[in-house]
C-alpha atoms as a PDB file:
ATOM      1  CA  UNK A   1     -21.738  -1.495  -2.017  1.00  0.00           C
ATOM      2  CA  UNK A   2     -20.557  -0.894   1.064  1.00  0.00           C
ATOM      3  CA  UNK A   3     -22.457  -2.953   3.390  1.00  0.00           C
ATOM      4  CA  UNK A   4     -22.286  -2.352   8.223  1.00  0.00           C
ATOM      5  CA  UNK A   5     -21.211  -5.548   9.572  1.00  0.00           C
ATOM      6  CA  UNK A   6     -18.419  -7.107  12.776  1.00  0.00           C
ATOM      7  CA  UNK A   7     -16.152  -7.149  12.643  1.00  0.00           C
ATOM      8  CA  UNK A   8     -12.774 -10.453  13.122  1.00  0.00           C
ATOM      9  CA  UNK A   9      -9.577 -10.934  13.450  1.00  0.00           C
ATOM     10  CA  UNK A  10      -7.319  -7.885  14.670  1.00  0.00           C
ATOM     11  CA  UNK A  11     -10.434  -4.894  14.716  1.00  0.00           C
ATOM     12  CA  UNK A  12     -12.227  -7.210  17.051  1.00  0.00           C
ATOM     13  CA  UNK A  13     -11.684  -5.692  19.994  1.00  0.00           C
ATOM     14  CA  UNK A  14     -15.449  -6.942  22.057  1.00  0.00           C
ATOM     15  CA  UNK A  15     -17.901  -8.317  19.705  1.00  0.00           C
ATOM     16  CA  UNK A  16     -16.072  -6.262  16.360  1.00  0.00           C
ATOM     17  CA  UNK A  17     -19.204  -3.576  15.924  1.00  0.00           C
ATOM     18  CA  UNK A  18     -16.755  -0.557  16.966  1.00  0.00           C
ATOM     19  CA  UNK A  19     -14.474  -2.013  14.414  1.00  0.00           C
ATOM     20  CA  UNK A  20     -17.621  -2.484  11.621  1.00  0.00           C
ATOM     21  CA  UNK A  21     -18.519   0.851  12.133  1.00  0.00           C
ATOM     22  CA  UNK A  22     -15.026   2.022  11.573  1.00  0.00           C
ATOM     23  CA  UNK A  23     -14.644   0.195   7.976  1.00  0.00           C
ATOM     24  CA  UNK A  24     -18.441   1.511   6.997  1.00  0.00           C
ATOM     25  CA  UNK A  25     -17.306   5.400   7.344  1.00  0.00           C
ATOM     26  CA  UNK A  26     -13.058   4.861   6.636  1.00  0.00           C
ATOM     27  CA  UNK A  27     -11.931   5.626   9.887  1.00  0.00           C
ATOM     28  CA  UNK A  28      -9.574   4.070  12.405  1.00  0.00           C
ATOM     29  CA  UNK A  29     -10.881   1.813  14.780  1.00  0.00           C
ATOM     30  CA  UNK A  30      -9.972   3.671  18.118  1.00  0.00           C
ATOM     31  CA  UNK A  31     -11.512   6.482  16.308  1.00  0.00           C
ATOM     32  CA  UNK A  32     -14.728   5.125  16.922  1.00  0.00           C
ATOM     33  CA  UNK A  33     -14.042   3.065  20.380  1.00  0.00           C
ATOM     34  CA  UNK A  34     -12.674   6.657  21.994  1.00  0.00           C
ATOM     35  CA  UNK A  35     -16.225   8.030  20.634  1.00  0.00           C
ATOM     36  CA  UNK A  36     -18.130   4.949  21.793  1.00  0.00           C
ATOM     37  CA  UNK A  37     -16.191   4.934  25.389  1.00  0.00           C
ATOM     38  CA  UNK A  38     -17.298   8.226  25.707  1.00  0.00           C
ATOM     39  CA  UNK A  39     -21.185   7.751  24.420  1.00  0.00           C
ATOM     40  CA  UNK A  40     -21.342   5.426  27.206  1.00  0.00           C
ATOM     41  CA  UNK A  41     -19.630   7.626  30.319  1.00  0.00           C
ATOM     42  CA  UNK A  42     -20.229  11.143  29.967  1.00  0.00           C
ATOM     43  CA  UNK A  43     -23.056  11.135  27.044  1.00  0.00           C
ATOM     44  CA  UNK A  44     -25.690   8.503  28.687  1.00  0.00           C
ATOM     45  CA  UNK A  45     -25.596   6.124  25.414  1.00  0.00           C
ATOM     46  CA  UNK A  46     -26.882   2.980  27.016  1.00  0.00           C
ATOM     47  CA  UNK A  47     -24.722  -0.465  27.027  1.00  0.00           C
ATOM     48  CA  UNK A  48     -27.548  -2.459  26.062  1.00  0.00           C
ATOM     49  CA  UNK A  49     -27.610  -0.076  22.580  1.00  0.00           C
ATOM     50  CA  UNK A  50     -24.259  -1.796  21.715  1.00  0.00           C
ATOM     51  CA  UNK A  51     -25.270  -5.179  23.258  1.00  0.00           C
ATOM     52  CA  UNK A  52     -27.967  -5.148  20.605  1.00  0.00           C
ATOM     53  CA  UNK A  53     -26.090  -3.373  17.813  1.00  0.00           C
ATOM     54  CA  UNK A  54     -23.918  -6.593  18.399  1.00  0.00           C
ATOM     55  CA  UNK A  55     -27.396  -8.572  17.994  1.00  0.00           C
ATOM     56  CA  UNK A  56     -28.299  -7.495  14.573  1.00  0.00           C
ATOM     57  CA  UNK A  57     -25.124  -6.985  12.840  1.00  0.00           C
ATOM     58  CA  UNK A  58     -23.933  -9.734  10.886  1.00  0.00           C
ATOM     59  CA  UNK A  59     -20.266 -10.945  11.205  1.00  0.00           C
ATOM     60  CA  UNK A  60     -17.998 -10.783   8.353  1.00  0.00           C
ATOM     61  CA  UNK A  61     -17.774 -13.796   7.887  1.00  0.00           C
ATOM     62  CA  UNK A  62     -21.186 -14.427   7.416  1.00  0.00           C
ATOM     63  CA  UNK A  63     -21.499 -12.007   4.570  1.00  0.00           C
ATOM     64  CA  UNK A  64     -21.470 -13.295   1.360  1.00  0.00           C
ATOM     65  CA  UNK A  65     -18.806 -12.485  -0.882  1.00  0.00           C
END
């Protein structure tokens, strides 16, 4: 079962949101970060959405494995 979570370690830059999304969809984290940056600066995606995702998504280390 796939789970969406914030990453820790090497995939984590700010809060691990983009790294977690990248792992969930099986893509490179850099691609997700570039898309997120484009959406924030060009598309109007609010930084509030990113911060809310950081608060809602559990950390990788807090999940039971």
